[in-house]
Amino acid sequence: RQRQMCIRDSAWIGRFDSAGTLVWMRQLDSGLVDVASGLVADGAGSLYVCGHTTEELFGPRAGSTDAWLARYDVSGSQLWGLQWGSSEAESFPQVALNGVDGVFVAGNTTGILGGASVGESDVWITRISDAGTQGWLEQFGTPAGDVCASIASDLAGGFYLSGSTNGVFGASSSGVLDAWVARYGGDSVRSWLLQLGTAGVDRSSSVAVD
């Protein structure tokens, strides 16, 4: 008799005081796999956490893995949660404050999320208000595989993204895998995208605003 194994993981979020004492901890559990991959605090007591799930964590499941975002207040009470996705997989989203009224969330997809699928995996970005209303969503990529690894807000309505690609975003590919970084202005329009690397394997794993 063949034995079937069910993998189950829960996401969690905790608050610690300045002395390192745990104040509260919350667990997010849909019953299957829930991953937390991004976290940001708004400086006024609230925080946003995002990730992906294989089940119905905050709504109907769209694909094999969906993206999700939840907001908590300073006492650990969940204010709201959102779940969205394509018929395929959305994975490892990241979150950053937009400096106005909520956050930007960016991640990866193998499906059609915010426009036509371009390649093996694409990058997506969406804007979500502090009330939990999802605004615009953009999907972009090359015909090859593209990954978004990090997002950073300029706190003036714009943001920077970075990641890796084995395709051609710019004039040419430098090697097996290149890093890339892109900037979006306050109008949510991309102003530039730079692809860079060596003849080998290069990744960008994080981006920060100076």
Protein backbone atom coordinates (compact mmCIF):
# COMPACT_ATOMS: atom_id res chain seq x y z
CA ARG A 1 0.00 0.00 0.00
CA GLN A 2 1.40 3.37 -0.99
CA ARG A 3 1.49 5.91 1.82
CA GLN A 4 0.65 9.50 0.93
CA MET A 5 2.31 12.29 2.88
CA CYS A 6 0.65 15.69 3.42
CA ILE A 7 3.01 18.60 3.87
CA ARG A 8 1.66 21.27 6.21
CA ASP A 9 3.26 24.58 7.17
CA SER A 10 1.90 27.63 8.94
CA ALA A 11 3.01 31.25 8.73
CA TRP A 12 3.47 33.21 11.96
CA ILE A 13 4.15 36.76 13.10
CA GLY A 14 5.31 37.93 16.51
CA ARG A 15 5.99 41.18 18.32
CA PHE A 16 8.88 41.61 20.76
CA ASP A 17 9.57 44.54 23.06
CA SER A 18 12.93 46.31 23.31
CA ALA A 19 14.07 43.84 25.99
CA GLY A 20 13.42 40.88 23.71
CA THR A 21 10.28 39.72 25.49
CA LEU A 22 7.56 38.24 23.31
CA VAL A 23 4.47 40.46 23.50
CA TRP A 24 2.22 38.47 21.18
CA MET A 25 2.36 35.88 18.41
CA ARG A 26 -0.19 35.05 15.72
CA GLN A 27 -0.32 31.99 13.48
CA LEU A 28 -1.85 31.90 10.00
CA ASP A 29 -2.99 28.43 9.10
CA SER A 30 -5.16 27.43 6.14
CA GLY A 31 -4.64 23.73 6.75
CA LEU A 32 -1.94 23.14 4.13
CA VAL A 33 1.09 25.31 3.23
CA ASP A 34 1.21 28.97 4.27
CA VAL A 35 4.47 30.88 3.83
CA ALA A 36 5.28 34.38 5.09
CA SER A 37 7.93 36.09 2.94
CA GLY A 38 7.63 39.85 3.56
CA LEU A 39 6.98 42.23 6.46
CA VAL A 40 6.87 46.00 6.91
CA ALA A 41 5.77 48.30 9.76
CA ASP A 42 4.15 51.66 9.05
CA GLY A 43 5.68 53.44 12.06
CA ALA A 44 2.26 54.16 13.56
CA GLY A 45 1.63 50.79 15.18
CA SER A 46 0.32 48.80 12.22
CA LEU A 47 2.22 46.26 10.16
CA TYR A 48 1.74 44.36 6.92
CA VAL A 49 2.81 40.76 6.29
CA CYS A 50 2.62 38.92 2.96
CA GLY A 51 3.33 35.48 1.57
CA HIS A 52 1.82 32.65 -0.43
CA THR A 53 -0.60 29.84 0.32
CA THR A 54 -1.76 26.58 -1.23
CA GLU A 55 -5.24 26.81 0.31
CA GLU A 56 -8.05 29.24 1.14
CA LEU A 57 -6.38 31.51 3.69
CA PHE A 58 -8.26 34.76 3.02
CA GLY A 59 -10.61 33.76 0.23
CA PRO A 60 -11.14 31.29 -2.62
CA ARG A 61 -7.98 29.72 -4.01
CA ALA A 62 -7.22 30.70 -7.61
CA GLY A 63 -4.27 28.45 -8.48
CA SER A 64 -1.64 26.10 -7.09
CA THR A 65 -0.28 28.88 -4.85
CA ASP A 66 -1.84 32.32 -4.29
CA ALA A 67 -0.38 35.52 -2.90
CA TRP A 68 -1.77 37.02 0.31
CA LEU A 69 -1.42 40.17 2.39
CA ALA A 70 -2.66 40.86 5.93
CA ARG A 71 -2.63 43.95 8.13
CA TYR A 72 -2.32 43.86 11.94
CA ASP A 73 -2.60 46.57 14.57
CA VAL A 74 -0.20 47.13 17.47
CA SER A 75 -2.05 44.69 19.73
CA GLY A 76 -1.86 41.86 17.19
CA SER A 77 -5.46 42.07 16.00
CA GLN A 78 -5.86 41.29 12.33
CA LEU A 79 -7.53 44.22 10.57
CA TRP A 80 -7.99 42.50 7.22
CA GLY A 81 -6.53 39.90 4.85
CA LEU A 82 -6.49 39.56 1.06
CA GLN A 83 -5.74 36.61 -1.22
CA TRP A 84 -5.29 36.73 -4.99
CA GLY A 85 -3.69 34.80 -7.82
CA SER A 86 -3.82 33.29 -11.29
CA SER A 87 -4.67 29.72 -12.23
CA GLU A 88 -0.96 28.90 -11.85
CA ALA A 89 1.53 29.79 -9.07
CA GLU A 90 2.35 33.05 -7.30
CA SER A 91 5.29 32.82 -4.93
CA PHE A 92 7.40 34.68 -2.35
CA PRO A 93 5.92 38.19 -2.58
CA GLN A 94 7.62 41.17 -0.92
CA VAL A 95 5.96 44.27 0.57
CA ALA A 96 6.97 47.94 1.01
CA LEU A 97 5.16 51.05 2.23
CA ASN A 98 4.08 53.44 -0.52
CA GLY A 99 4.41 56.48 1.72
CA VAL A 100 0.86 57.63 1.00
CA ASP A 101 -1.97 55.27 1.94
CA GLY A 102 -0.84 51.67 1.98
CA VAL A 103 1.73 49.36 0.43
CA PHE A 104 3.21 47.96 -2.77
CA VAL A 105 3.43 44.17 -3.07
CA ALA A 106 5.60 42.46 -5.70
CA GLY A 107 6.27 38.82 -6.49
CA ASN A 108 6.55 36.08 -9.10
CA THR A 109 4.00 34.25 -11.22
CA THR A 110 3.91 31.44 -13.74
CA GLY A 111 0.41 32.38 -14.84
CA ILE A 112 -1.62 35.32 -16.14
CA LEU A 113 -2.10 37.71 -13.27
CA GLY A 114 -1.91 41.31 -14.49
CA GLY A 115 -1.72 40.97 -18.25
CA ALA A 116 -0.50 38.36 -20.71
CA SER A 117 2.11 35.83 -19.59
CA VAL A 118 5.44 36.74 -21.15
CA GLY A 119 7.67 33.78 -20.32
CA GLU A 120 8.45 30.91 -17.95
CA SER A 121 7.96 33.13 -14.92
CA ASP A 122 7.10 36.83 -14.74
CA VAL A 123 7.28 39.65 -12.22
CA TRP A 124 4.14 41.36 -10.88
CA ILE A 125 3.48 44.46 -8.78
CA THR A 126 0.27 45.67 -7.19
CA ARG A 127 -0.78 48.55 -4.96
CA ILE A 128 -3.04 47.97 -1.96
CA SER A 129 -4.51 50.70 0.24
CA ASP A 130 -4.35 50.75 4.04
CA ALA A 131 -8.04 49.81 4.01
CA GLY A 132 -7.30 46.62 2.08
CA THR A 133 -8.46 47.73 -1.37
CA GLN A 134 -6.36 46.41 -4.25
CA GLY A 135 -5.56 48.95 -6.95
CA TRP A 136 -3.55 48.52 -10.14
CA LEU A 137 -1.59 45.36 -10.93
CA GLU A 138 1.15 45.05 -13.55
CA GLN A 139 2.86 41.92 -14.90
CA PHE A 140 6.05 41.99 -16.96
CA GLY A 141 9.02 39.84 -17.96
CA THR A 142 11.07 38.29 -20.75
CA PRO A 143 10.32 35.09 -22.71
CA ALA A 144 12.67 33.30 -20.28
CA GLY A 145 12.54 33.12 -16.46
CA ASP A 146 12.33 36.30 -14.36
CA VAL A 147 12.31 36.60 -10.57
CA CYS A 148 11.53 39.56 -8.32
CA ALA A 149 13.49 39.29 -5.08
CA SER A 150 13.03 42.66 -3.37
CA ILE A 151 11.08 45.92 -3.31
CA ALA A 152 11.89 49.22 -1.60
CA SER A 153 9.71 52.32 -1.44
CA ASP A 154 11.03 55.86 -1.85
CA LEU A 155 8.16 56.93 0.50
CA ALA A 156 7.03 59.48 -2.08
CA GLY A 157 4.77 57.19 -4.09
CA GLY A 158 7.52 55.47 -6.09
CA PHE A 159 9.56 52.31 -5.55
CA TYR A 160 12.49 50.17 -6.71
CA LEU A 161 12.44 46.49 -7.64
CA SER A 162 15.32 44.06 -8.05
CA GLY A 163 15.74 40.43 -8.99
CA SER A 164 17.27 38.12 -11.58
CA THR A 165 16.63 36.97 -15.14
CA ASN A 166 18.00 34.49 -17.65
CA GLY A 167 16.38 36.50 -20.42
CA VAL A 168 17.05 39.89 -21.99
CA PHE A 169 15.46 42.94 -20.36
CA GLY A 170 17.89 45.41 -21.85
CA ALA A 171 20.11 45.42 -24.91
CA SER A 172 21.75 42.06 -24.19
CA SER A 173 22.30 39.32 -21.63
CA SER A 174 25.66 39.27 -19.87
CA GLY A 175 25.73 35.62 -18.82
CA VAL A 176 23.85 32.59 -17.55
CA LEU A 177 21.80 34.64 -15.08
CA ASP A 178 21.81 38.41 -14.70
CA ALA A 179 20.68 40.77 -11.96
CA TRP A 180 18.28 43.62 -12.66
CA VAL A 181 16.93 46.70 -10.90
CA ALA A 182 14.02 48.93 -11.93
CA ARG A 183 12.57 52.22 -10.73
CA TYR A 184 8.91 53.29 -10.75
CA GLY A 185 7.84 56.88 -10.13
CA GLY A 186 4.91 58.24 -8.16
CA ASP A 187 2.72 57.79 -11.24
CA SER A 188 3.39 54.01 -11.04
CA VAL A 189 5.14 54.12 -14.43
CA ARG A 190 8.52 52.44 -14.83
CA SER A 191 11.15 55.07 -15.59
CA TRP A 192 14.08 52.68 -16.15
CA LEU A 193 15.28 49.08 -15.84
CA LEU A 194 18.96 48.11 -15.69
CA GLN A 195 20.21 44.58 -16.38
CA LEU A 196 23.75 43.76 -15.27
CA GLY A 197 26.01 40.80 -14.67
CA THR A 198 29.07 38.80 -15.55
CA ALA A 199 29.49 35.80 -17.84
CA GLY A 200 28.47 33.58 -14.91
CA VAL A 201 25.54 33.60 -12.49
CA ASP A 202 24.50 36.89 -10.87
CA ARG A 203 21.50 37.60 -8.64
CA SER A 204 20.15 40.61 -6.81
CA SER A 205 18.64 39.55 -3.51
CA SER A 206 17.85 42.97 -2.00
CA VAL A 207 17.44 46.64 -2.84
CA ALA A 208 17.50 49.72 -0.57
CA VAL A 209 16.85 53.43 -1.07
CA ASP A 210 19.64 55.85 -0.21
